[in-house]
Amino acid sequence: MTDNQKLYEELKPLSEEAIEVSDKLIQRLRNFDISVAMNDFIKLSIVVEKIVNLIYLDETLRPYIYDINSVLKNMLEAIENKDYYLVSDIVEYELLPNLHKLTQN
């Protein structure tokens, strides 16, 4: 097994976990269950950090780091502004597509 195959084997379950947490986060934000949603956001941040650390090991995947970091920055701004619908939209339309791309590689 090559190093890239090992990397993808580690990356896939993390990406799937991030997708699952993202789906819950979106639903909770749209239902204004903010305190639980913030717990989901913390879980998502931890998983995304693990993903970014793995992506960094493969030069061909590094562009995803910039995309994901940009999305996270936008999410944090929206959270600071208490614009929870915007946060859910950012997760749904920006973060999830990037995570899906990682699971397809």
PDB file of N, CA and C in Angstrom:
ATOM      1  N   MET A   1       0.851  -1.184   0.000  1.00  0.00           N
ATOM      2  CA  MET A   1       0.000   0.000   0.000  1.00  0.00           C
ATOM      3  C   MET A   1       0.893   1.243   0.000  1.00  0.00           C
ATOM      4  N   THR A   2       0.581   2.181  -0.891  1.00  0.00           N
ATOM      5  CA  THR A   2       1.384   3.394  -0.997  1.00  0.00           C
ATOM      6  C   THR A   2       1.006   4.389   0.099  1.00  0.00           C
ATOM      7  N   ASP A   3       1.861   5.375   0.258  1.00  0.00           N
ATOM      8  CA  ASP A   3       1.585   6.416   1.247  1.00  0.00           C
ATOM      9  C   ASP A   3       0.299   7.167   0.918  1.00  0.00           C
ATOM     10  N   ASN A   4       0.059   7.425  -0.375  1.00  0.00           N
ATOM     11  CA  ASN A   4      -1.168   8.116  -0.780  1.00  0.00           C
ATOM     12  C   ASN A   4      -2.405   7.300  -0.438  1.00  0.00           C
ATOM     13  N   GLN A   5      -2.331   5.989  -0.633  1.00  0.00           N
ATOM     14  CA  GLN A   5      -3.467   5.135  -0.295  1.00  0.00           C
ATOM     15  C   GLN A   5      -3.738   5.160   1.203  1.00  0.00           C
ATOM     16  N   LYS A   6      -2.676   5.132   1.988  1.00  0.00           N
ATOM     17  CA  LYS A   6      -2.835   5.215   3.443  1.00  0.00           C
ATOM     18  C   LYS A   6      -3.462   6.549   3.847  1.00  0.00           C
ATOM     19  N   LEU A   7      -3.001   7.607   3.206  1.00  0.00           N
ATOM     20  CA  LEU A   7      -3.531   8.938   3.488  1.00  0.00           C
ATOM     21  C   LEU A   7      -5.024   8.987   3.188  1.00  0.00           C
ATOM     22  N   TYR A   8      -5.419   8.478   2.032  1.00  0.00           N
ATOM     23  CA  TYR A   8      -6.836   8.490   1.663  1.00  0.00           C
ATOM     24  C   TYR A   8      -7.670   7.606   2.586  1.00  0.00           C
ATOM     25  N   GLU A   9      -7.087   6.512   3.055  1.00  0.00           N
ATOM     26  CA  GLU A   9      -7.805   5.655   4.000  1.00  0.00           C
ATOM     27  C   GLU A   9      -8.059   6.368   5.327  1.00  0.00           C
ATOM     28  N   GLU A  10      -7.149   7.239   5.728  1.00  0.00           N
ATOM     29  CA  GLU A  10      -7.343   8.027   6.942  1.00  0.00           C
ATOM     30  C   GLU A  10      -8.262   9.215   6.686  1.00  0.00           C
ATOM     31  N   LEU A  11      -8.156   9.770   5.512  1.00  0.00           N
ATOM     32  CA  LEU A  11      -8.903  10.975   5.172  1.00  0.00           C
ATOM     33  C   LEU A  11     -10.392  10.712   4.966  1.00  0.00           C
ATOM     34  N   LYS A  12     -10.724   9.607   4.365  1.00  0.00           N
ATOM     35  CA  LYS A  12     -12.120   9.318   4.035  1.00  0.00           C
ATOM     36  C   LYS A  12     -13.027   9.273   5.271  1.00  0.00           C
ATOM     37  N   PRO A  13     -12.700   8.503   6.315  1.00  0.00           N
ATOM     38  CA  PRO A  13     -13.604   8.491   7.471  1.00  0.00           C
ATOM     39  C   PRO A  13     -13.692   9.848   8.177  1.00  0.00           C
ATOM     40  N   LEU A  14     -12.598  10.595   8.178  1.00  0.00           N
ATOM     41  CA  LEU A  14     -12.642  11.929   8.781  1.00  0.00           C
ATOM     42  C   LEU A  14     -13.554  12.849   7.981  1.00  0.00           C
ATOM     43  N   SER A  15     -13.452  12.778   6.664  1.00  0.00           N
ATOM     44  CA  SER A  15     -14.321  13.592   5.818  1.00  0.00           C
ATOM     45  C   SER A  15     -15.776  13.195   5.993  1.00  0.00           C
ATOM     46  N   GLU A  16     -16.032  11.904   6.084  1.00  0.00           N
ATOM     47  CA  GLU A  16     -17.405  11.434   6.302  1.00  0.00           C
ATOM     48  C   GLU A  16     -17.942  11.907   7.650  1.00  0.00           C
ATOM     49  N   GLU A  17     -17.095  11.885   8.671  1.00  0.00           N
ATOM     50  CA  GLU A  17     -17.502  12.384   9.985  1.00  0.00           C
ATOM     51  C   GLU A  17     -17.806  13.879   9.923  1.00  0.00           C
ATOM     52  N   ALA A  18     -16.960  14.622   9.230  1.00  0.00           N
ATOM     53  CA  ALA A  18     -17.178  16.064   9.094  1.00  0.00           C
ATOM     54  C   ALA A  18     -18.483  16.345   8.344  1.00  0.00           C
ATOM     55  N   ILE A  19     -18.788  15.544   7.339  1.00  0.00           N
ATOM     56  CA  ILE A  19     -20.036  15.708   6.592  1.00  0.00           C
ATOM     57  C   ILE A  19     -21.233  15.444   7.500  1.00  0.00           C
ATOM     58  N   GLU A  20     -21.146  14.390   8.294  1.00  0.00           N
ATOM     59  CA  GLU A  20     -22.226  14.059   9.216  1.00  0.00           C
ATOM     60  C   GLU A  20     -22.452  15.173  10.244  1.00  0.00           C
ATOM     61  N   VAL A  21     -21.380  15.663  10.828  1.00  0.00           N
ATOM     62  CA  VAL A  21     -21.483  16.750  11.810  1.00  0.00           C
ATOM     63  C   VAL A  21     -22.002  18.021  11.137  1.00  0.00           C
ATOM     64  N   SER A  22     -21.558  18.274   9.915  1.00  0.00           N
ATOM     65  CA  SER A  22     -22.022  19.452   9.171  1.00  0.00           C
ATOM     66  C   SER A  22     -23.523  19.406   8.943  1.00  0.00           C
ATOM     67  N   ASP A  23     -24.022  18.234   8.578  1.00  0.00           N
ATOM     68  CA  ASP A  23     -25.467  18.090   8.360  1.00  0.00           C
ATOM     69  C   ASP A  23     -26.252  18.403   9.632  1.00  0.00           C
ATOM     70  N   LYS A  24     -25.770  17.903  10.762  1.00  0.00           N
ATOM     71  CA  LYS A  24     -26.421  18.188  12.048  1.00  0.00           C
ATOM     72  C   LYS A  24     -26.335  19.677  12.376  1.00  0.00           C
ATOM     73  N   LEU A  25     -25.167  20.258  12.126  1.00  0.00           N
ATOM     74  CA  LEU A  25     -24.963  21.683  12.400  1.00  0.00           C
ATOM     75  C   LEU A  25     -25.939  22.536  11.597  1.00  0.00           C
ATOM     76  N   ILE A  26     -26.073  22.237  10.328  1.00  0.00           N
ATOM     77  CA  ILE A  26     -26.988  22.988   9.465  1.00  0.00           C
ATOM     78  C   ILE A  26     -28.413  22.914  10.015  1.00  0.00           C
ATOM     79  N   GLN A  27     -28.839  21.707  10.324  1.00  0.00           N
ATOM     80  CA  GLN A  27     -30.205  21.515  10.822  1.00  0.00           C
ATOM     81  C   GLN A  27     -30.432  22.283  12.123  1.00  0.00           C
ATOM     82  N   ARG A  28     -29.490  22.194  13.028  1.00  0.00           N
ATOM     83  CA  ARG A  28     -29.649  22.857  14.330  1.00  0.00           C
ATOM     84  C   ARG A  28     -29.613  24.382  14.201  1.00  0.00           C
ATOM     85  N   LEU A  29     -28.753  24.881  13.333  1.00  0.00           N
ATOM     86  CA  LEU A  29     -28.706  26.330  13.131  1.00  0.00           C
ATOM     87  C   LEU A  29     -30.017  26.838  12.546  1.00  0.00           C
ATOM     88  N   ARG A  30     -30.551  26.103  11.614  1.00  0.00           N
ATOM     89  CA  ARG A  30     -31.801  26.537  10.973  1.00  0.00           C
ATOM     90  C   ARG A  30     -33.003  26.408  11.898  1.00  0.00           C
ATOM     91  N   ASN A  31     -32.859  25.569  12.926  1.00  0.00           N
ATOM     92  CA  ASN A  31     -33.913  25.448  13.944  1.00  0.00           C
ATOM     93  C   ASN A  31     -33.638  26.351  15.150  1.00  0.00           C
ATOM     94  N   PHE A  32     -32.608  27.161  15.054  1.00  0.00           N
ATOM     95  CA  PHE A  32     -32.174  28.066  16.125  1.00  0.00           C
ATOM     96  C   PHE A  32     -31.885  27.337  17.437  1.00  0.00           C
ATOM     97  N   ASP A  33     -31.371  26.128  17.330  1.00  0.00           N
ATOM     98  CA  ASP A  33     -30.891  25.395  18.499  1.00  0.00           C
ATOM     99  C   ASP A  33     -29.396  25.730  18.621  1.00  0.00           C
ATOM    100  N   ILE A  34     -29.130  26.976  18.967  1.00  0.00           N
ATOM    101  CA  ILE A  34     -27.792  27.545  18.856  1.00  0.00           C
ATOM    102  C   ILE A  34     -26.791  26.909  19.808  1.00  0.00           C
ATOM    103  N   SER A  35     -27.178  26.645  21.045  1.00  0.00           N
ATOM    104  CA  SER A  35     -26.201  26.097  21.998  1.00  0.00           C
ATOM    105  C   SER A  35     -25.716  24.715  21.565  1.00  0.00           C
ATOM    106  N   VAL A  36     -26.619  23.879  21.080  1.00  0.00           N
ATOM    107  CA  VAL A  36     -26.211  22.556  20.587  1.00  0.00           C
ATOM    108  C   VAL A  36     -25.426  22.709  19.285  1.00  0.00           C
ATOM    109  N   ALA A  37     -25.849  23.653  18.454  1.00  0.00           N
ATOM    110  CA  ALA A  37     -25.143  23.894  17.197  1.00  0.00           C
ATOM    111  C   ALA A  37     -23.695  24.310  17.446  1.00  0.00           C
ATOM    112  N   MET A  38     -23.471  25.102  18.463  1.00  0.00           N
ATOM    113  CA  MET A  38     -22.095  25.533  18.755  1.00  0.00           C
ATOM    114  C   MET A  38     -21.236  24.346  19.192  1.00  0.00           C
ATOM    115  N   ASN A  39     -21.840  23.385  19.880  1.00  0.00           N
ATOM    116  CA  ASN A  39     -21.102  22.156  20.207  1.00  0.00           C
ATOM    117  C   ASN A  39     -20.743  21.403  18.924  1.00  0.00           C
ATOM    118  N   ASP A  40     -21.688  21.368  17.990  1.00  0.00           N
ATOM    119  CA  ASP A  40     -21.403  20.740  16.697  1.00  0.00           C
ATOM    120  C   ASP A  40     -20.297  21.488  15.957  1.00  0.00           C
ATOM    121  N   PHE A  41     -20.324  22.805  16.051  1.00  0.00           N
ATOM    122  CA  PHE A  41     -19.289  23.610  15.395  1.00  0.00           C
ATOM    123  C   PHE A  41     -17.910  23.269  15.967  1.00  0.00           C
ATOM    124  N   ILE A  42     -17.834  23.097  17.274  1.00  0.00           N
ATOM    125  CA  ILE A  42     -16.558  22.731  17.901  1.00  0.00           C
ATOM    126  C   ILE A  42     -16.110  21.358  17.412  1.00  0.00           C
ATOM    127  N   LYS A  43     -17.035  20.391  17.373  1.00  0.00           N
ATOM    128  CA  LYS A  43     -16.706  19.053  16.862  1.00  0.00           C
ATOM    129  C   LYS A  43     -16.218  19.138  15.424  1.00  0.00           C
ATOM    130  N   LEU A  44     -16.927  19.928  14.627  1.00  0.00           N
ATOM    131  CA  LEU A  44     -16.558  20.081  13.228  1.00  0.00           C
ATOM    132  C   LEU A  44     -15.168  20.702  13.095  1.00  0.00           C
ATOM    133  N   SER A  45     -14.883  21.691  13.914  1.00  0.00           N
ATOM    134  CA  SER A  45     -13.569  22.346  13.874  1.00  0.00           C
ATOM    135  C   SER A  45     -12.446  21.360  14.179  1.00  0.00           C
ATOM    136  N   ILE A  46     -12.678  20.495  15.144  1.00  0.00           N
ATOM    137  CA  ILE A  46     -11.661  19.499  15.530  1.00  0.00           C
ATOM    138  C   ILE A  46     -11.417  18.521  14.377  1.00  0.00           C
ATOM    139  N   VAL A  47     -12.496  18.036  13.774  1.00  0.00           N
ATOM    140  CA  VAL A  47     -12.356  17.084  12.671  1.00  0.00           C
ATOM    141  C   VAL A  47     -11.697  17.756  11.471  1.00  0.00           C
ATOM    142  N   VAL A  48     -12.093  18.987  11.182  1.00  0.00           N
ATOM    143  CA  VAL A  48     -11.507  19.701  10.043  1.00  0.00           C
ATOM    144  C   VAL A  48     -10.019  19.953  10.283  1.00  0.00           C
ATOM    145  N   GLU A  49      -9.652  20.229  11.511  1.00  0.00           N
ATOM    146  CA  GLU A  49      -8.223  20.405  11.814  1.00  0.00           C
ATOM    147  C   GLU A  49      -7.446  19.119  11.510  1.00  0.00           C
ATOM    148  N   LYS A  50      -8.010  17.976  11.867  1.00  0.00           N
ATOM    149  CA  LYS A  50      -7.363  16.692  11.564  1.00  0.00           C
ATOM    150  C   LYS A  50      -7.253  16.499  10.057  1.00  0.00           C
ATOM    151  N   ILE A  51      -8.309  16.875   9.339  1.00  0.00           N
ATOM    152  CA  ILE A  51      -8.299  16.749   7.878  1.00  0.00           C
ATOM    153  C   ILE A  51      -7.209  17.630   7.278  1.00  0.00           C
ATOM    154  N   VAL A  52      -7.133  18.864   7.720  1.00  0.00           N
ATOM    155  CA  VAL A  52      -6.126  19.794   7.203  1.00  0.00           C
ATOM    156  C   VAL A  52      -4.725  19.263   7.477  1.00  0.00           C
ATOM    157  N   ASN A  53      -4.504  18.714   8.660  1.00  0.00           N
ATOM    158  CA  ASN A  53      -3.188  18.150   8.979  1.00  0.00           C
ATOM    159  C   ASN A  53      -2.830  16.999   8.048  1.00  0.00           C
ATOM    160  N   LEU A  54      -3.810  16.177   7.686  1.00  0.00           N
ATOM    161  CA  LEU A  54      -3.554  15.085   6.748  1.00  0.00           C
ATOM    162  C   LEU A  54      -3.325  15.612   5.332  1.00  0.00           C
ATOM    163  N   ILE A  55      -4.155  16.561   4.925  1.00  0.00           N
ATOM    164  CA  ILE A  55      -4.035  17.129   3.579  1.00  0.00           C
ATOM    165  C   ILE A  55      -2.644  17.723   3.378  1.00  0.00           C
ATOM    166  N   TYR A  56      -2.128  18.328   4.401  1.00  0.00           N
ATOM    167  CA  TYR A  56      -0.823  18.972   4.297  1.00  0.00           C
ATOM    168  C   TYR A  56       0.265  17.974   3.888  1.00  0.00           C
ATOM    169  N   LEU A  57       0.068  16.698   4.187  1.00  0.00           N
ATOM    170  CA  LEU A  57       1.062  15.672   3.868  1.00  0.00           C
ATOM    171  C   LEU A  57       1.134  15.359   2.377  1.00  0.00           C
ATOM    172  N   ASP A  58       0.116  15.744   1.619  1.00  0.00           N
ATOM    173  CA  ASP A  58       0.079  15.445   0.191  1.00  0.00           C
ATOM    174  C   ASP A  58       0.001  16.755  -0.591  1.00  0.00           C
ATOM    175  N   GLU A  59       1.051  17.048  -1.346  1.00  0.00           N
ATOM    176  CA  GLU A  59       1.112  18.323  -2.077  1.00  0.00           C
ATOM    177  C   GLU A  59      -0.053  18.513  -3.036  1.00  0.00           C
ATOM    178  N   THR A  60      -0.547  17.431  -3.611  1.00  0.00           N
ATOM    179  CA  THR A  60      -1.642  17.561  -4.577  1.00  0.00           C
ATOM    180  C   THR A  60      -2.953  17.986  -3.909  1.00  0.00           C
ATOM    181  N   LEU A  61      -3.061  17.775  -2.615  1.00  0.00           N
ATOM    182  CA  LEU A  61      -4.283  18.136  -1.883  1.00  0.00           C
ATOM    183  C   LEU A  61      -4.181  19.483  -1.173  1.00  0.00           C
ATOM    184  N   ARG A  62      -3.012  20.051  -1.128  1.00  0.00           N
ATOM    185  CA  ARG A  62      -2.814  21.299  -0.373  1.00  0.00           C
ATOM    186  C   ARG A  62      -3.732  22.451  -0.785  1.00  0.00           C
ATOM    187  N   PRO A  63      -4.115  22.567  -2.058  1.00  0.00           N
ATOM    188  CA  PRO A  63      -5.051  23.659  -2.387  1.00  0.00           C
ATOM    189  C   PRO A  63      -6.351  23.607  -1.571  1.00  0.00           C
ATOM    190  N   TYR A  64      -6.750  22.415  -1.157  1.00  0.00           N
ATOM    191  CA  TYR A  64      -7.952  22.290  -0.318  1.00  0.00           C
ATOM    192  C   TYR A  64      -7.785  23.015   1.011  1.00  0.00           C
ATOM    193  N   ILE A  65      -6.564  23.078   1.509  1.00  0.00           N
ATOM    194  CA  ILE A  65      -6.318  23.757   2.786  1.00  0.00           C
ATOM    195  C   ILE A  65      -6.755  25.214   2.688  1.00  0.00           C
ATOM    196  N   TYR A  66      -6.383  25.860   1.607  1.00  0.00           N
ATOM    197  CA  TYR A  66      -6.731  27.269   1.443  1.00  0.00           C
ATOM    198  C   TYR A  66      -8.247  27.446   1.323  1.00  0.00           C
ATOM    199  N   ASP A  67      -8.879  26.542   0.575  1.00  0.00           N
ATOM    200  CA  ASP A  67     -10.335  26.606   0.429  1.00  0.00           C
ATOM    201  C   ASP A  67     -11.024  26.416   1.776  1.00  0.00           C
ATOM    202  N   ILE A  68     -10.602  25.411   2.515  1.00  0.00           N
ATOM    203  CA  ILE A  68     -11.223  25.112   3.808  1.00  0.00           C
ATOM    204  C   ILE A  68     -10.969  26.235   4.796  1.00  0.00           C
ATOM    205  N   ASN A  69      -9.749  26.743   4.831  1.00  0.00           N
ATOM    206  CA  ASN A  69      -9.448  27.858   5.749  1.00  0.00           C
ATOM    207  C   ASN A  69     -10.293  29.085   5.431  1.00  0.00           C
ATOM    208  N   SER A  70     -10.489  29.359   4.165  1.00  0.00           N
ATOM    209  CA  SER A  70     -11.317  30.486   3.764  1.00  0.00           C
ATOM    210  C   SER A  70     -12.759  30.290   4.222  1.00  0.00           C
ATOM    211  N   VAL A  71     -13.262  29.089   4.062  1.00  0.00           N
ATOM    212  CA  VAL A  71     -14.624  28.775   4.506  1.00  0.00           C
ATOM    213  C   VAL A  71     -14.741  28.936   6.011  1.00  0.00           C
ATOM    214  N   LEU A  72     -13.772  28.423   6.757  1.00  0.00           N
ATOM    215  CA  LEU A  72     -13.812  28.535   8.219  1.00  0.00           C
ATOM    216  C   LEU A  72     -13.762  29.991   8.668  1.00  0.00           C
ATOM    217  N   LYS A  73     -12.972  30.790   7.979  1.00  0.00           N
ATOM    218  CA  LYS A  73     -12.896  32.216   8.309  1.00  0.00           C
ATOM    219  C   LYS A  73     -14.262  32.874   8.113  1.00  0.00           C
ATOM    220  N   ASN A  74     -14.910  32.559   7.003  1.00  0.00           N
ATOM    221  CA  ASN A  74     -16.238  33.112   6.733  1.00  0.00           C
ATOM    222  C   ASN A  74     -17.259  32.640   7.774  1.00  0.00           C
ATOM    223  N   MET A  75     -17.149  31.385   8.178  1.00  0.00           N
ATOM    224  CA  MET A  75     -18.053  30.860   9.206  1.00  0.00           C
ATOM    225  C   MET A  75     -17.876  31.598  10.524  1.00  0.00           C
ATOM    226  N   LEU A  76     -16.624  31.800  10.914  1.00  0.00           N
ATOM    227  CA  LEU A  76     -16.360  32.497  12.174  1.00  0.00           C
ATOM    228  C   LEU A  76     -16.898  33.923  12.145  1.00  0.00           C
ATOM    229  N   GLU A  77     -16.727  34.594  11.019  1.00  0.00           N
ATOM    230  CA  GLU A  77     -17.265  35.952  10.879  1.00  0.00           C
ATOM    231  C   GLU A  77     -18.776  35.961  11.044  1.00  0.00           C
ATOM    232  N   ALA A  78     -19.435  35.001  10.413  1.00  0.00           N
ATOM    233  CA  ALA A  78     -20.891  34.923  10.506  1.00  0.00           C
ATOM    234  C   ALA A  78     -21.334  34.603  11.930  1.00  0.00           C
ATOM    235  N   ILE A  79     -20.586  33.745  12.614  1.00  0.00           N
ATOM    236  CA  ILE A  79     -20.912  33.427  14.013  1.00  0.00           C
ATOM    237  C   ILE A  79     -20.747  34.665  14.877  1.00  0.00           C
ATOM    238  N   GLU A  80     -19.663  35.397  14.677  1.00  0.00           N
ATOM    239  CA  GLU A  80     -19.446  36.629  15.445  1.00  0.00           C
ATOM    240  C   GLU A  80     -20.590  37.618  15.243  1.00  0.00           C
ATOM    241  N   ASN A  81     -21.149  37.630  14.016  1.00  0.00           N
ATOM    242  CA  ASN A  81     -22.263  38.526  13.713  1.00  0.00           C
ATOM    243  C   ASN A  81     -23.618  37.914  14.078  1.00  0.00           C
ATOM    244  N   LYS A  82     -23.587  36.707  14.647  1.00  0.00           N
ATOM    245  CA  LYS A  82     -24.798  35.976  15.034  1.00  0.00           C
ATOM    246  C   LYS A  82     -25.758  35.801  13.859  1.00  0.00           C
ATOM    247  N   ASP A  83     -25.170  35.605  12.684  1.00  0.00           N
ATOM    248  CA  ASP A  83     -25.941  35.357  11.466  1.00  0.00           C
ATOM    249  C   ASP A  83     -25.914  33.846  11.207  1.00  0.00           C
ATOM    250  N   TYR A  84     -26.785  33.135  11.924  1.00  0.00           N
ATOM    251  CA  TYR A  84     -26.746  31.682  11.914  1.00  0.00           C
ATOM    252  C   TYR A  84     -27.253  31.074  10.610  1.00  0.00           C
ATOM    253  N   TYR A  85     -28.153  31.770   9.928  1.00  0.00           N
ATOM    254  CA  TYR A  85     -28.559  31.281   8.610  1.00  0.00           C
ATOM    255  C   TYR A  85     -27.379  31.352   7.636  1.00  0.00           C
ATOM    256  N   LEU A  86     -26.593  32.407   7.728  1.00  0.00           N
ATOM    257  CA  LEU A  86     -25.409  32.515   6.877  1.00  0.00           C
ATOM    258  C   LEU A  86     -24.418  31.403   7.194  1.00  0.00           C
ATOM    259  N   VAL A  87     -24.232  31.111   8.472  1.00  0.00           N
ATOM    260  CA  VAL A  87     -23.329  30.014   8.853  1.00  0.00           C
ATOM    261  C   VAL A  87     -23.810  28.711   8.219  1.00  0.00           C
ATOM    262  N   SER A  88     -25.100  28.433   8.331  1.00  0.00           N
ATOM    263  CA  SER A  88     -25.621  27.181   7.761  1.00  0.00           C
ATOM    264  C   SER A  88     -25.452  27.162   6.238  1.00  0.00           C
ATOM    265  N   ASP A  89     -25.642  28.309   5.589  1.00  0.00           N
ATOM    266  CA  ASP A  89     -25.439  28.369   4.140  1.00  0.00           C
ATOM    267  C   ASP A  89     -23.974  28.155   3.767  1.00  0.00           C
ATOM    268  N   ILE A  90     -23.075  28.734   4.530  1.00  0.00           N
ATOM    269  CA  ILE A  90     -21.638  28.554   4.265  1.00  0.00           C
ATOM    270  C   ILE A  90     -21.261  27.085   4.407  1.00  0.00           C
ATOM    271  N   VAL A  91     -21.769  26.450   5.447  1.00  0.00           N
ATOM    272  CA  VAL A  91     -21.478  25.023   5.645  1.00  0.00           C
ATOM    273  C   VAL A  91     -22.036  24.214   4.479  1.00  0.00           C
ATOM    274  N   GLU A  92     -23.291  24.486   4.134  1.00  0.00           N
ATOM    275  CA  GLU A  92     -23.951  23.696   3.094  1.00  0.00           C
ATOM    276  C   GLU A  92     -23.363  23.915   1.700  1.00  0.00           C
ATOM    277  N   TYR A  93     -23.105  25.165   1.352  1.00  0.00           N
ATOM    278  CA  TYR A  93     -22.736  25.475  -0.026  1.00  0.00           C
ATOM    279  C   TYR A  93     -21.239  25.678  -0.265  1.00  0.00           C
ATOM    280  N   GLU A  94     -20.461  25.768   0.810  1.00  0.00           N
ATOM    281  CA  GLU A  94     -19.022  25.957   0.634  1.00  0.00           C
ATOM    282  C   GLU A  94     -18.203  24.832   1.273  1.00  0.00           C
ATOM    283  N   LEU A  95     -18.486  24.523   2.532  1.00  0.00           N
ATOM    284  CA  LEU A  95     -17.690  23.498   3.220  1.00  0.00           C
ATOM    285  C   LEU A  95     -18.027  22.098   2.714  1.00  0.00           C
ATOM    286  N   LEU A  96     -19.304  21.758   2.672  1.00  0.00           N
ATOM    287  CA  LEU A  96     -19.679  20.405   2.246  1.00  0.00           C
ATOM    288  C   LEU A  96     -19.170  20.037   0.849  1.00  0.00           C
ATOM    289  N   PRO A  97     -19.254  20.928  -0.132  1.00  0.00           N
ATOM    290  CA  PRO A  97     -18.689  20.554  -1.442  1.00  0.00           C
ATOM    291  C   PRO A  97     -17.200  20.219  -1.381  1.00  0.00           C
ATOM    292  N   ASN A  98     -16.442  20.968  -0.560  1.00  0.00           N
ATOM    293  CA  ASN A  98     -15.015  20.665  -0.412  1.00  0.00           C
ATOM    294  C   ASN A  98     -14.813  19.314   0.261  1.00  0.00           C
ATOM    295  N   LEU A  99     -15.607  19.014   1.262  1.00  0.00           N
ATOM    296  CA  LEU A  99     -15.485  17.730   1.946  1.00  0.00           C
ATOM    297  C   LEU A  99     -15.868  16.571   1.020  1.00  0.00           C
ATOM    298  N   HIS A 100     -16.895  16.777   0.216  1.00  0.00           N
ATOM    299  CA  HIS A 100     -17.293  15.730  -0.740  1.00  0.00           C
ATOM    300  C   HIS A 100     -16.192  15.471  -1.759  1.00  0.00           C
ATOM    301  N   LYS A 101     -15.520  16.506  -2.201  1.00  0.00           N
ATOM    302  CA  LYS A 101     -14.416  16.338  -3.143  1.00  0.00           C
ATOM    303  C   LYS A 101     -13.321  15.467  -2.533  1.00  0.00           C
ATOM    304  N   LEU A 102     -13.065  15.653  -1.254  1.00  0.00           N
ATOM    305  CA  LEU A 102     -12.025  14.859  -0.599  1.00  0.00           C
ATOM    306  C   LEU A 102     -12.409  13.379  -0.524  1.00  0.00           C
ATOM    307  N   THR A 103     -13.673  13.094  -0.324  1.00  0.00           N
ATOM    308  CA  THR A 103     -14.089  11.683  -0.228  1.00  0.00           C
ATOM    309  C   THR A 103     -14.113  11.023  -1.595  1.00  0.00           C
ATOM    310  N   GLN A 104     -14.145  11.798  -2.650  1.00  0.00           N
ATOM    311  CA  GLN A 104     -14.187  11.239  -3.996  1.00  0.00           C
ATOM    312  C   GLN A 104     -12.792  10.946  -4.543  1.00  0.00           C
ATOM    313  N   ASN A 105     -11.759  11.525  -3.945  1.00  0.00           N
ATOM    314  CA  ASN A 105     -10.389  11.298  -4.440  1.00  0.00           C
ATOM    315  C   ASN A 105      -9.904   9.908  -4.103  1.00  0.00           C
TER     316      ASN A 105
END
